[in-house]
Amino acid sequence: IWDTYSRVPGKILDGTSGDVACGLYHRWASDLD
């Protein structure tokens, strides 16, 4: 629902989404370190 909601104009203060966020999905090992 946040993928959908974040694409509604005016709902997110800076117009962004969590598509990239902090990239933990691909950086999980170094973030656990």
PDB file of all heavy atoms in Angstrom:
ATOM      1  N   ILE A   1       0.825  -1.205   0.000  1.00  0.00           N
ATOM      2  CA  ILE A   1       0.000   0.000   0.000  1.00  0.00           C
ATOM      3  C   ILE A   1       0.860   1.256   0.000  1.00  0.00           C
ATOM      4  O   ILE A   1       0.437   2.304  -0.493  1.00  0.00           O
ATOM      5  CB  ILE A   1      -0.980   0.027   1.186  1.00  0.00           C
ATOM      6  CG1 ILE A   1      -0.265  -0.169   2.530  1.00  0.00           C
ATOM      7  CG2 ILE A   1      -2.053  -1.041   1.010  1.00  0.00           C
ATOM      8  CD1 ILE A   1      -1.167  -0.043   3.756  1.00  0.00           C
ATOM      9  N   TRP A   2       2.090   1.164   0.513  1.00  0.00           N
ATOM     10  CA  TRP A   2       2.956   2.340   0.488  1.00  0.00           C
ATOM     11  C   TRP A   2       3.558   2.581  -0.882  1.00  0.00           C
ATOM     12  O   TRP A   2       3.828   3.723  -1.252  1.00  0.00           O
ATOM     13  CB  TRP A   2       4.040   2.220   1.567  1.00  0.00           C
ATOM     14  CG  TRP A   2       3.511   2.703   2.883  1.00  0.00           C
ATOM     15  CD1 TRP A   2       2.947   1.950   3.869  1.00  0.00           C
ATOM     16  CD2 TRP A   2       3.421   4.060   3.312  1.00  0.00           C
ATOM     17  NE1 TRP A   2       2.524   2.762   4.899  1.00  0.00           N
ATOM     18  CE2 TRP A   2       2.807   4.056   4.592  1.00  0.00           C
ATOM     19  CE3 TRP A   2       3.807   5.285   2.754  1.00  0.00           C
ATOM     20  CZ2 TRP A   2       2.564   5.236   5.313  1.00  0.00           C
ATOM     21  CZ3 TRP A   2       3.573   6.454   3.485  1.00  0.00           C
ATOM     22  CH2 TRP A   2       2.963   6.429   4.730  1.00  0.00           C
ATOM     23  N   ASP A   3       3.757   1.534  -1.662  1.00  0.00           N
ATOM     24  CA  ASP A   3       4.174   1.750  -3.046  1.00  0.00           C
ATOM     25  C   ASP A   3       3.101   2.531  -3.795  1.00  0.00           C
ATOM     26  O   ASP A   3       3.398   3.419  -4.599  1.00  0.00           O
ATOM     27  CB  ASP A   3       4.428   0.406  -3.738  1.00  0.00           C
ATOM     28  CG  ASP A   3       5.590  -0.344  -3.130  1.00  0.00           C
ATOM     29  OD1 ASP A   3       6.714   0.170  -3.160  1.00  0.00           O
ATOM     30  OD2 ASP A   3       5.363  -1.452  -2.605  1.00  0.00           O
ATOM     31  N   THR A   4       1.856   2.189  -3.536  1.00  0.00           N
ATOM     32  CA  THR A   4       0.740   2.871  -4.194  1.00  0.00           C
ATOM     33  C   THR A   4       0.578   4.290  -3.667  1.00  0.00           C
ATOM     34  O   THR A   4       0.485   5.260  -4.441  1.00  0.00           O
ATOM     35  CB  THR A   4      -0.564   2.075  -3.967  1.00  0.00           C
ATOM     36  OG1 THR A   4      -0.404   0.748  -4.476  1.00  0.00           O
ATOM     37  CG2 THR A   4      -1.745   2.746  -4.637  1.00  0.00           C
ATOM     38  N   TYR A   5       0.531   4.422  -2.353  1.00  0.00           N
ATOM     39  CA  TYR A   5       0.253   5.721  -1.725  1.00  0.00           C
ATOM     40  C   TYR A   5       1.327   6.751  -2.049  1.00  0.00           C
ATOM     41  O   TYR A   5       1.031   7.933  -2.274  1.00  0.00           O
ATOM     42  CB  TYR A   5       0.160   5.507  -0.216  1.00  0.00           C
ATOM     43  CG  TYR A   5      -0.219   6.714   0.595  1.00  0.00           C
ATOM     44  CD1 TYR A   5      -1.526   7.180   0.612  1.00  0.00           C
ATOM     45  CD2 TYR A   5       0.732   7.375   1.380  1.00  0.00           C
ATOM     46  CE1 TYR A   5      -1.873   8.283   1.392  1.00  0.00           C
ATOM     47  CE2 TYR A   5       0.386   8.461   2.158  1.00  0.00           C
ATOM     48  CZ  TYR A   5      -0.916   8.914   2.154  1.00  0.00           C
ATOM     49  OH  TYR A   5      -1.274   9.996   2.917  1.00  0.00           O
ATOM     50  N   SER A   6       2.586   6.316  -2.071  1.00  0.00           N
ATOM     51  CA  SER A   6       3.683   7.257  -2.298  1.00  0.00           C
ATOM     52  C   SER A   6       3.672   7.837  -3.710  1.00  0.00           C
ATOM     53  O   SER A   6       4.349   8.841  -3.965  1.00  0.00           O
ATOM     54  CB  SER A   6       5.031   6.577  -2.033  1.00  0.00           C
ATOM     55  OG  SER A   6       5.261   5.524  -2.949  1.00  0.00           O
ATOM     56  N   ARG A   7       2.891   7.229  -4.599  1.00  0.00           N
ATOM     57  CA  ARG A   7       2.806   7.741  -5.966  1.00  0.00           C
ATOM     58  C   ARG A   7       1.604   8.657  -6.184  1.00  0.00           C
ATOM     59  O   ARG A   7       1.403   9.153  -7.292  1.00  0.00           O
ATOM     60  CB  ARG A   7       2.779   6.562  -6.950  1.00  0.00           C
ATOM     61  CG  ARG A   7       4.157   5.944  -7.116  1.00  0.00           C
ATOM     62  CD  ARG A   7       4.154   4.563  -7.720  1.00  0.00           C
ATOM     63  NE  ARG A   7       5.504   4.123  -8.016  1.00  0.00           N
ATOM     64  CZ  ARG A   7       6.394   3.702  -7.115  1.00  0.00           C
ATOM     65  NH1 ARG A   7       6.060   3.658  -5.833  1.00  0.00           N
ATOM     66  NH2 ARG A   7       7.606   3.326  -7.479  1.00  0.00           N
ATOM     67  N   VAL A   8       0.834   8.881  -5.144  1.00  0.00           N
ATOM     68  CA  VAL A   8      -0.283   9.828  -5.242  1.00  0.00           C
ATOM     69  C   VAL A   8       0.276  11.233  -5.038  1.00  0.00           C
ATOM     70  O   VAL A   8       0.877  11.522  -3.996  1.00  0.00           O
ATOM     71  CB  VAL A   8      -1.359   9.521  -4.182  1.00  0.00           C
ATOM     72  CG1 VAL A   8      -2.486  10.549  -4.270  1.00  0.00           C
ATOM     73  CG2 VAL A   8      -1.901   8.117  -4.372  1.00  0.00           C
ATOM     74  N   PRO A   9       0.125  12.131  -6.007  1.00  0.00           N
ATOM     75  CA  PRO A   9       0.699  13.475  -5.877  1.00  0.00           C
ATOM     76  C   PRO A   9       0.249  14.168  -4.595  1.00  0.00           C
ATOM     77  O   PRO A   9      -0.921  14.158  -4.235  1.00  0.00           O
ATOM     78  CB  PRO A   9       0.164  14.203  -7.120  1.00  0.00           C
ATOM     79  CG  PRO A   9      -0.091  13.111  -8.115  1.00  0.00           C
ATOM     80  CD  PRO A   9      -0.563  11.935  -7.304  1.00  0.00           C
ATOM     81  N   GLY A  10       1.230  14.751  -3.910  1.00  0.00           N
ATOM     82  CA  GLY A  10       0.939  15.532  -2.720  1.00  0.00           C
ATOM     83  C   GLY A  10       0.896  14.757  -1.425  1.00  0.00           C
ATOM     84  O   GLY A  10       0.803  15.368  -0.348  1.00  0.00           O
ATOM     85  N   LYS A  11       0.971  13.437  -1.470  1.00  0.00           N
ATOM     86  CA  LYS A  11       0.865  12.650  -0.240  1.00  0.00           C
ATOM     87  C   LYS A  11       2.183  12.588   0.539  1.00  0.00           C
ATOM     88  O   LYS A  11       2.179  12.480   1.764  1.00  0.00           O
ATOM     89  CB  LYS A  11       0.389  11.229  -0.555  1.00  0.00           C
ATOM     90  CG  LYS A  11      -1.039  11.165  -1.080  1.00  0.00           C
ATOM     91  CD  LYS A  11      -2.040  11.673  -0.062  1.00  0.00           C
ATOM     92  CE  LYS A  11      -3.471  11.494  -0.542  1.00  0.00           C
ATOM     93  NZ  LYS A  11      -4.449  12.048   0.439  1.00  0.00           N
ATOM     94  N   ILE A  12       3.314  12.622  -0.161  1.00  0.00           N
ATOM     95  CA  ILE A  12       4.617  12.538   0.488  1.00  0.00           C
ATOM     96  C   ILE A  12       5.278  13.908   0.399  1.00  0.00           C
ATOM     97  O   ILE A  12       5.318  14.518  -0.671  1.00  0.00           O
ATOM     98  CB  ILE A  12       5.509  11.468  -0.171  1.00  0.00           C
ATOM     99  CG1 ILE A  12       4.762  10.126  -0.266  1.00  0.00           C
ATOM    100  CG2 ILE A  12       6.818  11.316   0.605  1.00  0.00           C
ATOM    101  CD1 ILE A  12       4.298   9.554   1.062  1.00  0.00           C
ATOM    102  N   LEU A  13       5.789  14.389   1.528  1.00  0.00           N
ATOM    103  CA  LEU A  13       6.275  15.760   1.623  1.00  0.00           C
ATOM    104  C   LEU A  13       7.274  16.112   0.537  1.00  0.00           C
ATOM    105  O   LEU A  13       7.194  17.183  -0.070  1.00  0.00           O
ATOM    106  CB  LEU A  13       6.908  15.987   3.006  1.00  0.00           C
ATOM    107  CG  LEU A  13       7.390  17.399   3.305  1.00  0.00           C
ATOM    108  CD1 LEU A  13       6.223  18.379   3.299  1.00  0.00           C
ATOM    109  CD2 LEU A  13       8.110  17.443   4.647  1.00  0.00           C
ATOM    110  N   ASP A  14       8.230  15.222   0.261  1.00  0.00           N
ATOM    111  CA  ASP A  14       9.242  15.527  -0.751  1.00  0.00           C
ATOM    112  C   ASP A  14       9.018  14.769  -2.064  1.00  0.00           C
ATOM    113  O   ASP A  14       9.902  14.735  -2.924  1.00  0.00           O
ATOM    114  CB  ASP A  14      10.654  15.260  -0.211  1.00  0.00           C
ATOM    115  CG  ASP A  14      10.851  13.813   0.237  1.00  0.00           C
ATOM    116  OD1 ASP A  14       9.948  12.979   0.010  1.00  0.00           O
ATOM    117  OD2 ASP A  14      11.914  13.513   0.820  1.00  0.00           O
ATOM    118  N   GLY A  15       7.854  14.131  -2.200  1.00  0.00           N
ATOM    119  CA  GLY A  15       7.500  13.476  -3.454  1.00  0.00           C
ATOM    120  C   GLY A  15       8.252  12.189  -3.740  1.00  0.00           C
ATOM    121  O   GLY A  15       8.273  11.721  -4.881  1.00  0.00           O
ATOM    122  N   THR A  16       8.847  11.572  -2.710  1.00  0.00           N
ATOM    123  CA  THR A  16       9.666  10.385  -2.919  1.00  0.00           C
ATOM    124  C   THR A  16       8.894   9.117  -2.563  1.00  0.00           C
ATOM    125  O   THR A  16       7.751   9.161  -2.130  1.00  0.00           O
ATOM    126  CB  THR A  16      10.943  10.463  -2.066  1.00  0.00           C
ATOM    127  OG1 THR A  16      10.567  10.589  -0.689  1.00  0.00           O
ATOM    128  CG2 THR A  16      11.794  11.661  -2.475  1.00  0.00           C
ATOM    129  N   SER A  17       9.571   7.986  -2.732  1.00  0.00           N
ATOM    130  CA  SER A  17       9.006   6.685  -2.366  1.00  0.00           C
ATOM    131  C   SER A  17      10.088   5.863  -1.686  1.00  0.00           C
ATOM    132  O   SER A  17      11.247   6.281  -1.587  1.00  0.00           O
ATOM    133  CB  SER A  17       8.498   5.942  -3.608  1.00  0.00           C
ATOM    134  OG  SER A  17       9.594   5.459  -4.370  1.00  0.00           O
ATOM    135  N   GLY A  18       9.713   4.651  -1.248  1.00  0.00           N
ATOM    136  CA  GLY A  18      10.687   3.742  -0.658  1.00  0.00           C
ATOM    137  C   GLY A  18      11.278   2.776  -1.665  1.00  0.00           C
ATOM    138  O   GLY A  18      11.804   1.729  -1.261  1.00  0.00           O
ATOM    139  N   ASP A  19      11.213   3.094  -2.940  1.00  0.00           N
ATOM    140  CA  ASP A  19      11.734   2.191  -3.969  1.00  0.00           C
ATOM    141  C   ASP A  19      13.197   1.833  -3.724  1.00  0.00           C
ATOM    142  O   ASP A  19      13.613   0.689  -3.928  1.00  0.00           O
ATOM    143  CB  ASP A  19      11.599   2.830  -5.356  1.00  0.00           C
ATOM    144  CG  ASP A  19      10.183   2.790  -5.891  1.00  0.00           C
ATOM    145  OD1 ASP A  19       9.284   2.345  -5.154  1.00  0.00           O
ATOM    146  OD2 ASP A  19       9.966   3.209  -7.041  1.00  0.00           O
ATOM    147  N   VAL A  20      13.981   2.821  -3.317  1.00  0.00           N
ATOM    148  CA  VAL A  20      15.414   2.611  -3.066  1.00  0.00           C
ATOM    149  C   VAL A  20      15.701   2.619  -1.568  1.00  0.00           C
ATOM    150  O   VAL A  20      16.446   1.779  -1.067  1.00  0.00           O
ATOM    151  CB  VAL A  20      16.250   3.682  -3.778  1.00  0.00           C
ATOM    152  CG1 VAL A  20      17.734   3.524  -3.433  1.00  0.00           C
ATOM    153  CG2 VAL A  20      16.044   3.592  -5.286  1.00  0.00           C
ATOM    154  N   ALA A  21      15.094   3.563  -0.848  1.00  0.00           N
ATOM    155  CA  ALA A  21      15.285   3.702   0.594  1.00  0.00           C
ATOM    156  C   ALA A  21      16.783   3.684   0.922  1.00  0.00           C
ATOM    157  O   ALA A  21      17.550   4.442   0.324  1.00  0.00           O
ATOM    158  CB  ALA A  21      14.513   2.622   1.343  1.00  0.00           C
ATOM    159  N   CYS A  22      17.213   2.814   1.827  1.00  0.00           N
ATOM    160  CA  CYS A  22      18.633   2.725   2.194  1.00  0.00           C
ATOM    161  C   CYS A  22      19.344   1.570   1.494  1.00  0.00           C
ATOM    162  O   CYS A  22      20.519   1.305   1.764  1.00  0.00           O
ATOM    163  CB  CYS A  22      18.786   2.564   3.708  1.00  0.00           C
ATOM    164  SG  CYS A  22      18.025   3.874   4.669  1.00  0.00           S
ATOM    165  N   GLY A  23      18.609   0.855   0.639  1.00  0.00           N
ATOM    166  CA  GLY A  23      19.231  -0.221  -0.123  1.00  0.00           C
ATOM    167  C   GLY A  23      19.696  -1.391   0.711  1.00  0.00           C
ATOM    168  O   GLY A  23      20.587  -2.146   0.289  1.00  0.00           O
ATOM    169  N   LEU A  24      19.101  -1.615   1.892  1.00  0.00           N
ATOM    170  CA  LEU A  24      19.567  -2.708   2.751  1.00  0.00           C
ATOM    171  C   LEU A  24      19.429  -4.070   2.080  1.00  0.00           C
ATOM    172  O   LEU A  24      20.204  -4.978   2.361  1.00  0.00           O
ATOM    173  CB  LEU A  24      18.792  -2.698   4.077  1.00  0.00           C
ATOM    174  CG  LEU A  24      19.137  -3.854   5.011  1.00  0.00           C
ATOM    175  CD1 LEU A  24      19.685  -3.340   6.333  1.00  0.00           C
ATOM    176  CD2 LEU A  24      17.930  -4.748   5.278  1.00  0.00           C
ATOM    177  N   TYR A  25      18.451  -4.213   1.190  1.00  0.00           N
ATOM    178  CA  TYR A  25      18.235  -5.510   0.539  1.00  0.00           C
ATOM    179  C   TYR A  25      19.514  -6.005  -0.128  1.00  0.00           C
ATOM    180  O   TYR A  25      19.801  -7.209  -0.112  1.00  0.00           O
ATOM    181  CB  TYR A  25      17.110  -5.391  -0.492  1.00  0.00           C
ATOM    182  CG  TYR A  25      16.714  -6.711  -1.114  1.00  0.00           C
ATOM    183  CD1 TYR A  25      15.884  -7.591  -0.437  1.00  0.00           C
ATOM    184  CD2 TYR A  25      17.170  -7.083  -2.379  1.00  0.00           C
ATOM    185  CE1 TYR A  25      15.504  -8.804  -1.000  1.00  0.00           C
ATOM    186  CE2 TYR A  25      16.807  -8.292  -2.955  1.00  0.00           C
ATOM    187  CZ  TYR A  25      15.977  -9.151  -2.267  1.00  0.00           C
ATOM    188  OH  TYR A  25      15.608 -10.366  -2.824  1.00  0.00           O
ATOM    189  N   HIS A  26      20.287  -5.081  -0.700  1.00  0.00           N
ATOM    190  CA  HIS A  26      21.542  -5.473  -1.356  1.00  0.00           C
ATOM    191  C   HIS A  26      22.774  -5.180  -0.492  1.00  0.00           C
ATOM    192  O   HIS A  26      23.881  -5.611  -0.834  1.00  0.00           O
ATOM    193  CB  HIS A  26      21.676  -4.738  -2.689  1.00  0.00           C
ATOM    194  CG  HIS A  26      20.601  -5.110  -3.678  1.00  0.00           C
ATOM    195  ND1 HIS A  26      20.489  -6.382  -4.208  1.00  0.00           N
ATOM    196  CD2 HIS A  26      19.570  -4.384  -4.200  1.00  0.00           C
ATOM    197  CE1 HIS A  26      19.446  -6.429  -5.035  1.00  0.00           C
ATOM    198  NE2 HIS A  26      18.869  -5.240  -5.044  1.00  0.00           N
ATOM    199  N   ARG A  27      22.610  -4.477   0.622  1.00  0.00           N
ATOM    200  CA  ARG A  27      23.737  -4.101   1.472  1.00  0.00           C
ATOM    201  C   ARG A  27      23.638  -4.729   2.857  1.00  0.00           C
ATOM    202  O   ARG A  27      24.292  -4.277   3.793  1.00  0.00           O
ATOM    203  CB  ARG A  27      23.782  -2.565   1.626  1.00  0.00           C
ATOM    204  CG  ARG A  27      24.032  -1.809   0.347  1.00  0.00           C
ATOM    205  CD  ARG A  27      23.795  -0.314   0.568  1.00  0.00           C
ATOM    206  NE  ARG A  27      24.134   0.466  -0.611  1.00  0.00           N
ATOM    207  CZ  ARG A  27      25.286   1.102  -0.787  1.00  0.00           C
ATOM    208  NH1 ARG A  27      26.209   1.060   0.158  1.00  0.00           N
ATOM    209  NH2 ARG A  27      25.532   1.781  -1.889  1.00  0.00           N
ATOM    210  N   TRP A  28      22.813  -5.761   2.991  1.00  0.00           N
ATOM    211  CA  TRP A  28      22.504  -6.293   4.316  1.00  0.00           C
ATOM    212  C   TRP A  28      23.749  -6.732   5.080  1.00  0.00           C
ATOM    213  O   TRP A  28      23.837  -6.530   6.295  1.00  0.00           O
ATOM    214  CB  TRP A  28      21.506  -7.451   4.210  1.00  0.00           C
ATOM    215  CG  TRP A  28      22.015  -8.645   3.451  1.00  0.00           C
ATOM    216  CD1 TRP A  28      21.880  -8.882   2.114  1.00  0.00           C
ATOM    217  CD2 TRP A  28      22.746  -9.749   3.987  1.00  0.00           C
ATOM    218  NE1 TRP A  28      22.492 -10.074   1.778  1.00  0.00           N
ATOM    219  CE2 TRP A  28      23.028 -10.624   2.910  1.00  0.00           C
ATOM    220  CE3 TRP A  28      23.189 -10.086   5.264  1.00  0.00           C
ATOM    221  CZ2 TRP A  28      23.737 -11.814   3.078  1.00  0.00           C
ATOM    222  CZ3 TRP A  28      23.895 -11.269   5.445  1.00  0.00           C
ATOM    223  CH2 TRP A  28      24.162 -12.116   4.348  1.00  0.00           C
ATOM    224  N   ALA A  29      24.715  -7.325   4.383  1.00  0.00           N
ATOM    225  CA  ALA A  29      25.900  -7.855   5.084  1.00  0.00           C
ATOM    226  C   ALA A  29      26.720  -6.719   5.691  1.00  0.00           C
ATOM    227  O   ALA A  29      27.117  -6.779   6.873  1.00  0.00           O
ATOM    228  CB  ALA A  29      26.753  -8.679   4.125  1.00  0.00           C
ATOM    229  N   SER A  30      26.986  -5.679   4.914  1.00  0.00           N
ATOM    230  CA  SER A  30      27.782  -4.569   5.449  1.00  0.00           C
ATOM    231  C   SER A  30      27.006  -3.803   6.510  1.00  0.00           C
ATOM    232  O   SER A  30      27.600  -3.263   7.461  1.00  0.00           O
ATOM    233  CB  SER A  30      28.225  -3.629   4.325  1.00  0.00           C
ATOM    234  OG  SER A  30      27.106  -3.125   3.616  1.00  0.00           O
ATOM    235  N   ASP A  31      25.669  -3.750   6.393  1.00  0.00           N
ATOM    236  CA  ASP A  31      24.887  -3.057   7.421  1.00  0.00           C
ATOM    237  C   ASP A  31      24.860  -3.856   8.722  1.00  0.00           C
ATOM    238  O   ASP A  31      24.871  -3.275   9.820  1.00  0.00           O
ATOM    239  CB  ASP A  31      23.465  -2.773   6.923  1.00  0.00           C
ATOM    240  CG  ASP A  31      23.426  -1.606   5.950  1.00  0.00           C
ATOM    241  OD1 ASP A  31      24.341  -0.771   5.986  1.00  0.00           O
ATOM    242  OD2 ASP A  31      22.475  -1.521   5.145  1.00  0.00           O
ATOM    243  N   LEU A  32      24.841  -5.176   8.634  1.00  0.00           N
ATOM    244  CA  LEU A  32      24.973  -5.974   9.850  1.00  0.00           C
ATOM    245  C   LEU A  32      26.359  -5.812  10.461  1.00  0.00           C
ATOM    246  O   LEU A  32      26.511  -5.770  11.693  1.00  0.00           O
ATOM    247  CB  LEU A  32      24.695  -7.448   9.554  1.00  0.00           C
ATOM    248  CG  LEU A  32      23.241  -7.831   9.289  1.00  0.00           C
ATOM    249  CD1 LEU A  32      23.146  -9.313   8.911  1.00  0.00           C
ATOM    250  CD2 LEU A  32      22.355  -7.545  10.501  1.00  0.00           C
ATOM    251  N   ASP A  33      27.378  -5.698   9.622  1.00  0.00           N
ATOM    252  CA  ASP A  33      28.730  -5.425  10.130  1.00  0.00           C
ATOM    253  C   ASP A  33      28.749  -4.108  10.899  1.00  0.00           C
ATOM    254  O   ASP A  33      29.399  -3.994  11.949  1.00  0.00           O
ATOM    255  CB  ASP A  33      29.732  -5.344   8.977  1.00  0.00           C
ATOM    256  CG  ASP A  33      30.035  -6.693   8.350  1.00  0.00           C
ATOM    257  OD1 ASP A  33      29.781  -7.727   9.010  1.00  0.00           O
ATOM    258  OD2 ASP A  33      30.525  -6.714   7.205  1.00  0.00           O
TER     259      ASP A  33
END
